[in-house]
Amino acid sequence: METMHAMAPLAGLLGLLGLFGLVGLRYPLCTDQSGAITRRFALAGILGLCGFWIPGAGAMGAFGALGLWNHQHRRLRQLAWLGCLGTVGVPYLISAVAALITG
């Protein structure tokens, strides 16, 4: 458990990867491209804000990169895989919620 708390600042930095989801604003998809629901994952980058209150949970902001999953540009589509790193922040969120419930 101590190593988890020691790694929290480094894990929180992974949330910055969610900013790649904003690249979709600069290079928008064609309107006839499917996957509009998947592109909404770019909003998941807001989860990184919980890192201000829960150390390490800011890594969930990396989920914002999943908004590029179905992009027509191959290089931008490859950046979407970085969104999977958002799972690093989930244990921090679970431990914080468990601490709240148990008091």
PDB file of N, CA and C in Angstrom:
ATOM      1  N   MET A   1       0.815  -1.197   0.000  1.00  0.00           N
ATOM      2  CA  MET A   1       0.000   0.000   0.000  1.00  0.00           C
ATOM      3  C   MET A   1       0.858   1.260   0.000  1.00  0.00           C
ATOM      4  N   GLU A   2       2.028   1.155   0.660  1.00  0.00           N
ATOM      5  CA  GLU A   2       2.897   2.324   0.699  1.00  0.00           C
ATOM      6  C   GLU A   2       3.457   2.642  -0.681  1.00  0.00           C
ATOM      7  N   THR A   3       3.739   1.606  -1.474  1.00  0.00           N
ATOM      8  CA  THR A   3       4.250   1.867  -2.822  1.00  0.00           C
ATOM      9  C   THR A   3       3.179   2.498  -3.692  1.00  0.00           C
ATOM     10  N   MET A   4       1.918   2.150  -3.426  1.00  0.00           N
ATOM     11  CA  MET A   4       0.833   2.753  -4.200  1.00  0.00           C
ATOM     12  C   MET A   4       0.774   4.252  -3.932  1.00  0.00           C
ATOM     13  N   HIS A   5       0.941   4.646  -2.675  1.00  0.00           N
ATOM     14  CA  HIS A   5       0.926   6.069  -2.352  1.00  0.00           C
ATOM     15  C   HIS A   5       2.186   6.772  -2.839  1.00  0.00           C
ATOM     16  N   ALA A   6       3.288   6.051  -2.907  1.00  0.00           N
ATOM     17  CA  ALA A   6       4.522   6.640  -3.405  1.00  0.00           C
ATOM     18  C   ALA A   6       4.458   6.876  -4.910  1.00  0.00           C
ATOM     19  N   MET A   7       3.716   6.034  -5.618  1.00  0.00           N
ATOM     20  CA  MET A   7       3.599   6.162  -7.075  1.00  0.00           C
ATOM     21  C   MET A   7       2.491   7.127  -7.498  1.00  0.00           C
ATOM     22  N   ALA A   8       1.695   7.618  -6.561  1.00  0.00           N
ATOM     23  CA  ALA A   8       0.543   8.460  -6.887  1.00  0.00           C
ATOM     24  C   ALA A   8       0.908   9.699  -7.704  1.00  0.00           C
ATOM     25  N   PRO A   9       1.960  10.445  -7.363  1.00  0.00           N
ATOM     26  CA  PRO A   9       2.275  11.621  -8.191  1.00  0.00           C
ATOM     27  C   PRO A   9       2.638  11.261  -9.632  1.00  0.00           C
ATOM     28  N   LEU A  10       3.367  10.171  -9.805  1.00  0.00           N
ATOM     29  CA  LEU A  10       3.733   9.763 -11.168  1.00  0.00           C
ATOM     30  C   LEU A  10       2.519   9.256 -11.939  1.00  0.00           C
ATOM     31  N   ALA A  11       1.635   8.548 -11.260  1.00  0.00           N
ATOM     32  CA  ALA A  11       0.429   8.050 -11.919  1.00  0.00           C
ATOM     33  C   ALA A  11      -0.464   9.201 -12.336  1.00  0.00           C
ATOM     34  N   GLY A  12      -0.520  10.248 -11.527  1.00  0.00           N
ATOM     35  CA  GLY A  12      -1.347  11.401 -11.862  1.00  0.00           C
ATOM     36  C   GLY A  12      -0.906  12.096 -13.136  1.00  0.00           C
ATOM     37  N   LEU A  13       0.378  12.012 -13.434  1.00  0.00           N
ATOM     38  CA  LEU A  13       0.880  12.645 -14.657  1.00  0.00           C
ATOM     39  C   LEU A  13       0.361  11.960 -15.918  1.00  0.00           C
ATOM     40  N   LEU A  14      -0.050  10.705 -15.801  1.00  0.00           N
ATOM     41  CA  LEU A  14      -0.602  10.008 -16.964  1.00  0.00           C
ATOM     42  C   LEU A  14      -1.885  10.676 -17.457  1.00  0.00           C
ATOM     43  N   GLY A  15      -2.548  11.420 -16.591  1.00  0.00           N
ATOM     44  CA  GLY A  15      -3.766  12.112 -16.987  1.00  0.00           C
ATOM     45  C   GLY A  15      -3.545  13.137 -18.083  1.00  0.00           C
ATOM     46  N   LEU A  16      -2.323  13.594 -18.219  1.00  0.00           N
ATOM     47  CA  LEU A  16      -2.017  14.559 -19.280  1.00  0.00           C
ATOM     48  C   LEU A  16      -2.167  13.943 -20.665  1.00  0.00           C
ATOM     49  N   LEU A  17      -2.121  12.624 -20.742  1.00  0.00           N
ATOM     50  CA  LEU A  17      -2.313  11.963 -22.036  1.00  0.00           C
ATOM     51  C   LEU A  17      -3.714  12.203 -22.577  1.00  0.00           C
ATOM     52  N   GLY A  18      -4.647  12.505 -21.701  1.00  0.00           N
ATOM     53  CA  GLY A  18      -6.013  12.781 -22.133  1.00  0.00           C
ATOM     54  C   GLY A  18      -6.125  14.018 -23.001  1.00  0.00           C
ATOM     55  N   LEU A  19      -5.129  14.868 -22.941  1.00  0.00           N
ATOM     56  CA  LEU A  19      -5.141  16.058 -23.779  1.00  0.00           C
ATOM     57  C   LEU A  19      -5.041  15.711 -25.256  1.00  0.00           C
ATOM     58  N   PHE A  20      -4.566  14.499 -25.568  1.00  0.00           N
ATOM     59  CA  PHE A  20      -4.541  14.079 -26.965  1.00  0.00           C
ATOM     60  C   PHE A  20      -5.952  14.017 -27.540  1.00  0.00           C
ATOM     61  N   GLY A  21      -6.941  13.814 -26.707  1.00  0.00           N
ATOM     62  CA  GLY A  21      -8.319  13.793 -27.179  1.00  0.00           C
ATOM     63  C   GLY A  21      -8.748  15.128 -27.761  1.00  0.00           C
ATOM     64  N   LEU A  22      -8.097  16.196 -27.330  1.00  0.00           N
ATOM     65  CA  LEU A  22      -8.425  17.521 -27.855  1.00  0.00           C
ATOM     66  C   LEU A  22      -7.887  17.735 -29.258  1.00  0.00           C
ATOM     67  N   VAL A  23      -7.010  16.865 -29.717  1.00  0.00           N
ATOM     68  CA  VAL A  23      -6.498  16.955 -31.086  1.00  0.00           C
ATOM     69  C   VAL A  23      -7.651  16.794 -32.075  1.00  0.00           C
ATOM     70  N   GLY A  24      -8.674  16.072 -31.658  1.00  0.00           N
ATOM     71  CA  GLY A  24      -9.852  15.902 -32.506  1.00  0.00           C
ATOM     72  C   GLY A  24     -10.567  17.202 -32.787  1.00  0.00           C
ATOM     73  N   LEU A  25     -10.368  18.210 -31.966  1.00  0.00           N
ATOM     74  CA  LEU A  25     -10.942  19.521 -32.240  1.00  0.00           C
ATOM     75  C   LEU A  25     -10.166  20.231 -33.346  1.00  0.00           C
ATOM     76  N   ARG A  26      -8.868  20.041 -33.351  1.00  0.00           N
ATOM     77  CA  ARG A  26      -8.027  20.676 -34.372  1.00  0.00           C
ATOM     78  C   ARG A  26      -8.162  19.975 -35.719  1.00  0.00           C
ATOM     79  N   TYR A  27      -8.258  18.654 -35.697  1.00  0.00           N
ATOM     80  CA  TYR A  27      -8.412  17.856 -36.912  1.00  0.00           C
ATOM     81  C   TYR A  27      -9.708  17.051 -36.804  1.00  0.00           C
ATOM     82  N   PRO A  28     -10.838  17.693 -37.079  1.00  0.00           N
ATOM     83  CA  PRO A  28     -12.117  16.994 -36.893  1.00  0.00           C
ATOM     84  C   PRO A  28     -12.326  15.879 -37.911  1.00  0.00           C
ATOM     85  N   LEU A  29     -13.174  14.952 -37.541  1.00  0.00           N
ATOM     86  CA  LEU A  29     -13.536  13.848 -38.424  1.00  0.00           C
ATOM     87  C   LEU A  29     -14.511  14.307 -39.494  1.00  0.00           C
ATOM     88  N   CYS A  30     -14.569  13.557 -40.556  1.00  0.00           N
ATOM     89  CA  CYS A  30     -15.590  13.802 -41.566  1.00  0.00           C
ATOM     90  C   CYS A  30     -16.950  13.517 -40.940  1.00  0.00           C
ATOM     91  N   THR A  31     -17.956  14.220 -41.388  1.00  0.00           N
ATOM     92  CA  THR A  31     -19.283  14.044 -40.804  1.00  0.00           C
ATOM     93  C   THR A  31     -19.881  12.679 -41.125  1.00  0.00           C
ATOM     94  N   ASP A  32     -19.442  12.047 -42.208  1.00  0.00           N
ATOM     95  CA  ASP A  32     -19.988  10.728 -42.547  1.00  0.00           C
ATOM     96  C   ASP A  32     -19.216   9.589 -41.871  1.00  0.00           C
ATOM     97  N   GLN A  33     -18.185   9.914 -41.084  1.00  0.00           N
ATOM     98  CA  GLN A  33     -17.404   8.902 -40.365  1.00  0.00           C
ATOM     99  C   GLN A  33     -18.215   8.377 -39.178  1.00  0.00           C
ATOM    100  N   SER A  34     -18.248   7.080 -39.015  1.00  0.00           N
ATOM    101  CA  SER A  34     -18.987   6.499 -37.899  1.00  0.00           C
ATOM    102  C   SER A  34     -18.177   6.624 -36.612  1.00  0.00           C
ATOM    103  N   GLY A  35     -18.820   6.384 -35.492  1.00  0.00           N
ATOM    104  CA  GLY A  35     -18.135   6.385 -34.207  1.00  0.00           C
ATOM    105  C   GLY A  35     -18.310   7.652 -33.403  1.00  0.00           C
ATOM    106  N   ALA A  36     -19.422   8.348 -33.565  1.00  0.00           N
ATOM    107  CA  ALA A  36     -19.643   9.587 -32.819  1.00  0.00           C
ATOM    108  C   ALA A  36     -19.699   9.325 -31.317  1.00  0.00           C
ATOM    109  N   ILE A  37     -20.223   8.190 -30.921  1.00  0.00           N
ATOM    110  CA  ILE A  37     -20.309   7.868 -29.495  1.00  0.00           C
ATOM    111  C   ILE A  37     -18.910   7.648 -28.924  1.00  0.00           C
ATOM    112  N   THR A  38     -18.056   7.010 -29.685  1.00  0.00           N
ATOM    113  CA  THR A  38     -16.688   6.771 -29.229  1.00  0.00           C
ATOM    114  C   THR A  38     -15.938   8.086 -29.057  1.00  0.00           C
ATOM    115  N   ARG A  39     -16.192   9.040 -29.926  1.00  0.00           N
ATOM    116  CA  ARG A  39     -15.509  10.331 -29.826  1.00  0.00           C
ATOM    117  C   ARG A  39     -15.909  11.091 -28.571  1.00  0.00           C
ATOM    118  N   ARG A  40     -17.013  10.725 -27.966  1.00  0.00           N
ATOM    119  CA  ARG A  40     -17.420  11.374 -26.724  1.00  0.00           C
ATOM    120  C   ARG A  40     -16.487  11.016 -25.567  1.00  0.00           C
ATOM    121  N   PHE A  41     -15.644   9.990 -25.750  1.00  0.00           N
ATOM    122  CA  PHE A  41     -14.680   9.622 -24.720  1.00  0.00           C
ATOM    123  C   PHE A  41     -13.671  10.741 -24.480  1.00  0.00           C
ATOM    124  N   ALA A  42     -13.552  11.665 -25.411  1.00  0.00           N
ATOM    125  CA  ALA A  42     -12.652  12.794 -25.189  1.00  0.00           C
ATOM    126  C   ALA A  42     -13.087  13.583 -23.958  1.00  0.00           C
ATOM    127  N   LEU A  43     -14.368  13.550 -23.653  1.00  0.00           N
ATOM    128  CA  LEU A  43     -14.860  14.224 -22.458  1.00  0.00           C
ATOM    129  C   LEU A  43     -14.408  13.523 -21.183  1.00  0.00           C
ATOM    130  N   ALA A  44     -13.995  12.266 -21.297  1.00  0.00           N
ATOM    131  CA  ALA A  44     -13.517  11.529 -20.126  1.00  0.00           C
ATOM    132  C   ALA A  44     -12.210  12.105 -19.605  1.00  0.00           C
ATOM    133  N   GLY A  45     -11.569  12.945 -20.380  1.00  0.00           N
ATOM    134  CA  GLY A  45     -10.365  13.607 -19.905  1.00  0.00           C
ATOM    135  C   GLY A  45     -10.626  14.487 -18.701  1.00  0.00           C
ATOM    136  N   ILE A  46     -11.872  14.860 -18.511  1.00  0.00           N
ATOM    137  CA  ILE A  46     -12.246  15.663 -17.351  1.00  0.00           C
ATOM    138  C   ILE A  46     -12.058  14.863 -16.063  1.00  0.00           C
ATOM    139  N   LEU A  47     -12.065  13.530 -16.161  1.00  0.00           N
ATOM    140  CA  LEU A  47     -11.829  12.699 -14.977  1.00  0.00           C
ATOM    141  C   LEU A  47     -10.468  12.978 -14.354  1.00  0.00           C
ATOM    142  N   GLY A  48      -9.578  13.510 -15.143  1.00  0.00           N
ATOM    143  CA  GLY A  48      -8.265  13.846 -14.614  1.00  0.00           C
ATOM    144  C   GLY A  48      -8.307  14.926 -13.554  1.00  0.00           C
ATOM    145  N   LEU A  49      -9.376  15.694 -13.531  1.00  0.00           N
ATOM    146  CA  LEU A  49      -9.506  16.743 -12.523  1.00  0.00           C
ATOM    147  C   LEU A  49      -9.672  16.182 -11.120  1.00  0.00           C
ATOM    148  N   CYS A  50     -10.149  14.937 -11.006  1.00  0.00           N
ATOM    149  CA  CYS A  50     -10.297  14.366  -9.667  1.00  0.00           C
ATOM    150  C   CYS A  50      -8.938  14.118  -9.032  1.00  0.00           C
ATOM    151  N   GLY A  51      -7.881  14.224  -9.797  1.00  0.00           N
ATOM    152  CA  GLY A  51      -6.536  14.091  -9.259  1.00  0.00           C
ATOM    153  C   GLY A  51      -6.158  15.226  -8.320  1.00  0.00           C
ATOM    154  N   PHE A  52      -6.892  16.329  -8.384  1.00  0.00           N
ATOM    155  CA  PHE A  52      -6.634  17.413  -7.440  1.00  0.00           C
ATOM    156  C   PHE A  52      -7.041  17.020  -6.027  1.00  0.00           C
ATOM    157  N   TRP A  53      -8.039  16.159  -5.915  1.00  0.00           N
ATOM    158  CA  TRP A  53      -8.548  15.763  -4.610  1.00  0.00           C
ATOM    159  C   TRP A  53      -8.111  14.364  -4.197  1.00  0.00           C
ATOM    160  N   ILE A  54      -7.923  13.477  -5.161  1.00  0.00           N
ATOM    161  CA  ILE A  54      -7.542  12.091  -4.885  1.00  0.00           C
ATOM    162  C   ILE A  54      -6.194  11.840  -5.556  1.00  0.00           C
ATOM    163  N   PRO A  55      -5.119  11.737  -4.778  1.00  0.00           N
ATOM    164  CA  PRO A  55      -3.797  11.524  -5.388  1.00  0.00           C
ATOM    165  C   PRO A  55      -3.748  10.242  -6.226  1.00  0.00           C
ATOM    166  N   GLY A  56      -3.286  10.358  -7.443  1.00  0.00           N
ATOM    167  CA  GLY A  56      -3.161   9.214  -8.339  1.00  0.00           C
ATOM    168  C   GLY A  56      -4.366   9.000  -9.226  1.00  0.00           C
ATOM    169  N   ALA A  57      -5.533   9.446  -8.792  1.00  0.00           N
ATOM    170  CA  ALA A  57      -6.738   9.225  -9.587  1.00  0.00           C
ATOM    171  C   ALA A  57      -6.768  10.099 -10.827  1.00  0.00           C
ATOM    172  N   GLY A  58      -5.917  11.085 -10.894  1.00  0.00           N
ATOM    173  CA  GLY A  58      -5.855  11.934 -12.082  1.00  0.00           C
ATOM    174  C   GLY A  58      -5.422  11.172 -13.323  1.00  0.00           C
ATOM    175  N   ALA A  59      -4.868   9.991 -13.146  1.00  0.00           N
ATOM    176  CA  ALA A  59      -4.465   9.166 -14.279  1.00  0.00           C
ATOM    177  C   ALA A  59      -5.667   8.761 -15.124  1.00  0.00           C
ATOM    178  N   MET A  60      -6.861   8.800 -14.541  1.00  0.00           N
ATOM    179  CA  MET A  60      -8.055   8.450 -15.305  1.00  0.00           C
ATOM    180  C   MET A  60      -8.330   9.463 -16.408  1.00  0.00           C
ATOM    181  N   GLY A  61      -7.704  10.612 -16.350  1.00  0.00           N
ATOM    182  CA  GLY A  61      -7.843  11.587 -17.419  1.00  0.00           C
ATOM    183  C   GLY A  61      -7.299  11.094 -18.742  1.00  0.00           C
ATOM    184  N   ALA A  62      -6.456  10.075 -18.711  1.00  0.00           N
ATOM    185  CA  ALA A  62      -5.913   9.506 -19.950  1.00  0.00           C
ATOM    186  C   ALA A  62      -7.011   8.890 -20.803  1.00  0.00           C
ATOM    187  N   PHE A  63      -8.163   8.575 -20.201  1.00  0.00           N
ATOM    188  CA  PHE A  63      -9.281   8.051 -20.979  1.00  0.00           C
ATOM    189  C   PHE A  63      -9.712   9.029 -22.075  1.00  0.00           C
ATOM    190  N   GLY A  64      -9.373  10.297 -21.943  1.00  0.00           N
ATOM    191  CA  GLY A  64      -9.721  11.283 -22.957  1.00  0.00           C
ATOM    192  C   GLY A  64      -9.095  10.999 -24.311  1.00  0.00           C
ATOM    193  N   ALA A  65      -7.974  10.320 -24.335  1.00  0.00           N
ATOM    194  CA  ALA A  65      -7.325   9.978 -25.601  1.00  0.00           C
ATOM    195  C   ALA A  65      -8.140   8.968 -26.394  1.00  0.00           C
ATOM    196  N   LEU A  66      -9.048   8.250 -25.742  1.00  0.00           N
ATOM    197  CA  LEU A  66      -9.890   7.283 -26.462  1.00  0.00           C
ATOM    198  C   LEU A  66     -10.826   7.963 -27.457  1.00  0.00           C
ATOM    199  N   GLY A  67     -10.963   9.262 -27.357  1.00  0.00           N
ATOM    200  CA  GLY A  67     -11.794   9.995 -28.311  1.00  0.00           C
ATOM    201  C   GLY A  67     -11.249   9.965 -29.728  1.00  0.00           C
ATOM    202  N   LEU A  68      -9.998   9.577 -29.895  1.00  0.00           N
ATOM    203  CA  LEU A  68      -9.381   9.493 -31.218  1.00  0.00           C
ATOM    204  C   LEU A  68      -9.478   8.098 -31.814  1.00  0.00           C
ATOM    205  N   TRP A  69     -10.219   7.226 -31.183  1.00  0.00           N
ATOM    206  CA  TRP A  69     -10.251   5.808 -31.555  1.00  0.00           C
ATOM    207  C   TRP A  69     -10.606   5.587 -33.022  1.00  0.00           C
ATOM    208  N   ASN A  70     -11.509   6.328 -33.568  1.00  0.00           N
ATOM    209  CA  ASN A  70     -12.007   6.083 -34.919  1.00  0.00           C
ATOM    210  C   ASN A  70     -11.628   7.234 -35.865  1.00  0.00           C
ATOM    211  N   HIS A  71     -10.505   7.851 -35.647  1.00  0.00           N
ATOM    212  CA  HIS A  71     -10.102   9.001 -36.462  1.00  0.00           C
ATOM    213  C   HIS A  71      -9.624   8.529 -37.826  1.00  0.00           C
ATOM    214  N   GLN A  72      -9.827   9.359 -38.853  1.00  0.00           N
ATOM    215  CA  GLN A  72      -9.448   8.944 -40.201  1.00  0.00           C
ATOM    216  C   GLN A  72      -7.943   9.012 -40.431  1.00  0.00           C
ATOM    217  N   HIS A  73      -7.218   9.804 -39.627  1.00  0.00           N
ATOM    218  CA  HIS A  73      -5.767   9.854 -39.757  1.00  0.00           C
ATOM    219  C   HIS A  73      -5.154   8.723 -38.936  1.00  0.00           C
ATOM    220  N   ARG A  74      -4.312   7.938 -39.570  1.00  0.00           N
ATOM    221  CA  ARG A  74      -3.754   6.748 -38.932  1.00  0.00           C
ATOM    222  C   ARG A  74      -2.929   7.098 -37.694  1.00  0.00           C
ATOM    223  N   ARG A  75      -2.113   8.132 -37.767  1.00  0.00           N
ATOM    224  CA  ARG A  75      -1.267   8.489 -36.629  1.00  0.00           C
ATOM    225  C   ARG A  75      -2.096   8.947 -35.432  1.00  0.00           C
ATOM    226  N   LEU A  76      -3.142   9.693 -35.690  1.00  0.00           N
ATOM    227  CA  LEU A  76      -3.999  10.124 -34.589  1.00  0.00           C
ATOM    228  C   LEU A  76      -4.769   8.945 -34.002  1.00  0.00           C
ATOM    229  N   ARG A  77      -5.142   8.014 -34.852  1.00  0.00           N
ATOM    230  CA  ARG A  77      -5.853   6.822 -34.383  1.00  0.00           C
ATOM    231  C   ARG A  77      -4.951   5.983 -33.482  1.00  0.00           C
ATOM    232  N   GLN A  78      -3.652   5.959 -33.750  1.00  0.00           N
ATOM    233  CA  GLN A  78      -2.723   5.199 -32.921  1.00  0.00           C
ATOM    234  C   GLN A  78      -2.554   5.819 -31.540  1.00  0.00           C
ATOM    235  N   LEU A  79      -2.756   7.128 -31.416  1.00  0.00           N
ATOM    236  CA  LEU A  79      -2.664   7.785 -30.113  1.00  0.00           C
ATOM    237  C   LEU A  79      -3.776   7.344 -29.171  1.00  0.00           C
ATOM    238  N   ALA A  80      -4.852   6.811 -29.712  1.00  0.00           N
ATOM    239  CA  ALA A  80      -5.983   6.394 -28.877  1.00  0.00           C
ATOM    240  C   ALA A  80      -5.591   5.277 -27.920  1.00  0.00           C
ATOM    241  N   TRP A  81      -4.618   4.468 -28.278  1.00  0.00           N
ATOM    242  CA  TRP A  81      -4.193   3.383 -27.400  1.00  0.00           C
ATOM    243  C   TRP A  81      -3.645   3.904 -26.077  1.00  0.00           C
ATOM    244  N   LEU A  82      -3.142   5.125 -26.059  1.00  0.00           N
ATOM    245  CA  LEU A  82      -2.643   5.711 -24.818  1.00  0.00           C
ATOM    246  C   LEU A  82      -3.769   5.896 -23.800  1.00  0.00           C
ATOM    247  N   GLY A  83      -4.995   5.964 -24.267  1.00  0.00           N
ATOM    248  CA  GLY A  83      -6.136   6.108 -23.369  1.00  0.00           C
ATOM    249  C   GLY A  83      -6.320   4.922 -22.452  1.00  0.00           C
ATOM    250  N   CYS A  84      -5.811   3.774 -22.834  1.00  0.00           N
ATOM    251  CA  CYS A  84      -5.923   2.587 -21.980  1.00  0.00           C
ATOM    252  C   CYS A  84      -5.122   2.744 -20.691  1.00  0.00           C
ATOM    253  N   LEU A  85      -4.176   3.656 -20.663  1.00  0.00           N
ATOM    254  CA  LEU A  85      -3.405   3.899 -19.447  1.00  0.00           C
ATOM    255  C   LEU A  85      -4.249   4.545 -18.352  1.00  0.00           C
ATOM    256  N   GLY A  86      -5.452   4.966 -18.682  1.00  0.00           N
ATOM    257  CA  GLY A  86      -6.344   5.535 -17.678  1.00  0.00           C
ATOM    258  C   GLY A  86      -6.744   4.544 -16.607  1.00  0.00           C
ATOM    259  N   THR A  87      -6.604   3.264 -16.904  1.00  0.00           N
ATOM    260  CA  THR A  87      -6.945   2.251 -15.915  1.00  0.00           C
ATOM    261  C   THR A  87      -6.000   2.280 -14.712  1.00  0.00           C
ATOM    262  N   VAL A  88      -4.869   2.950 -14.844  1.00  0.00           N
ATOM    263  CA  VAL A  88      -3.924   3.071 -13.728  1.00  0.00           C
ATOM    264  C   VAL A  88      -4.554   3.866 -12.585  1.00  0.00           C
ATOM    265  N   GLY A  89      -5.401   4.826 -12.893  1.00  0.00           N
ATOM    266  CA  GLY A  89      -6.007   5.661 -11.855  1.00  0.00           C
ATOM    267  C   GLY A  89      -7.191   5.050 -11.159  1.00  0.00           C
ATOM    268  N   VAL A  90      -7.764   3.992 -11.709  1.00  0.00           N
ATOM    269  CA  VAL A  90      -8.962   3.378 -11.127  1.00  0.00           C
ATOM    270  C   VAL A  90      -8.709   2.834  -9.717  1.00  0.00           C
ATOM    271  N   PRO A  91      -7.600   2.131  -9.432  1.00  0.00           N
ATOM    272  CA  PRO A  91      -7.388   1.653  -8.058  1.00  0.00           C
ATOM    273  C   PRO A  91      -7.304   2.778  -7.030  1.00  0.00           C
ATOM    274  N   TYR A  92      -6.767   3.916  -7.426  1.00  0.00           N
ATOM    275  CA  TYR A  92      -6.695   5.048  -6.508  1.00  0.00           C
ATOM    276  C   TYR A  92      -8.090   5.562  -6.182  1.00  0.00           C
ATOM    277  N   LEU A  93      -8.955   5.601  -7.200  1.00  0.00           N
ATOM    278  CA  LEU A  93     -10.325   6.039  -6.968  1.00  0.00           C
ATOM    279  C   LEU A  93     -11.068   5.041  -6.098  1.00  0.00           C
ATOM    280  N   ILE A  94     -10.882   3.767  -6.345  1.00  0.00           N
ATOM    281  CA  ILE A  94     -11.568   2.734  -5.560  1.00  0.00           C
ATOM    282  C   ILE A  94     -11.119   2.794  -4.107  1.00  0.00           C
ATOM    283  N   SER A  95      -9.828   2.972  -3.861  1.00  0.00           N
ATOM    284  CA  SER A  95      -9.352   3.034  -2.475  1.00  0.00           C
ATOM    285  C   SER A  95      -9.875   4.277  -1.771  1.00  0.00           C
ATOM    286  N   ALA A  96     -10.013   5.392  -2.495  1.00  0.00           N
ATOM    287  CA  ALA A  96     -10.545   6.600  -1.882  1.00  0.00           C
ATOM    288  C   ALA A  96     -12.028   6.446  -1.546  1.00  0.00           C
ATOM    289  N   VAL A  97     -12.785   5.817  -2.445  1.00  0.00           N
ATOM    290  CA  VAL A  97     -14.203   5.604  -2.189  1.00  0.00           C
ATOM    291  C   VAL A  97     -14.388   4.605  -1.041  1.00  0.00           C
ATOM    292  N   ALA A  98     -13.562   3.576  -1.016  1.00  0.00           N
ATOM    293  CA  ALA A  98     -13.647   2.595   0.077  1.00  0.00           C
ATOM    294  C   ALA A  98     -13.328   3.252   1.420  1.00  0.00           C
ATOM    295  N   ALA A  99     -12.373   4.175   1.443  1.00  0.00           N
ATOM    296  CA  ALA A  99     -12.038   4.881   2.674  1.00  0.00           C
ATOM    297  C   ALA A  99     -13.192   5.770   3.130  1.00  0.00           C
ATOM    298  N   LEU A 100     -13.925   6.342   2.170  1.00  0.00           N
ATOM    299  CA  LEU A 100     -15.081   7.166   2.519  1.00  0.00           C
ATOM    300  C   LEU A 100     -16.215   6.309   3.096  1.00  0.00           C
ATOM    301  N   ILE A 101     -16.422   5.150   2.520  1.00  0.00           N
ATOM    302  CA  ILE A 101     -17.526   4.288   2.953  1.00  0.00           C
ATOM    303  C   ILE A 101     -17.247   3.711   4.341  1.00  0.00           C
ATOM    304  N   THR A 102     -16.022   3.257   4.553  1.00  0.00           N
ATOM    305  CA  THR A 102     -15.702   2.637   5.835  1.00  0.00           C
ATOM    306  C   THR A 102     -15.476   3.651   6.947  1.00  0.00           C
ATOM    307  N   GLY A 103     -15.253   4.881   6.541  1.00  0.00           N
ATOM    308  CA  GLY A 103     -15.125   5.958   7.532  1.00  0.00           C
ATOM    309  C   GLY A 103     -13.813   6.016   8.091  1.00  0.00           C
TER     310      GLY A 103
END
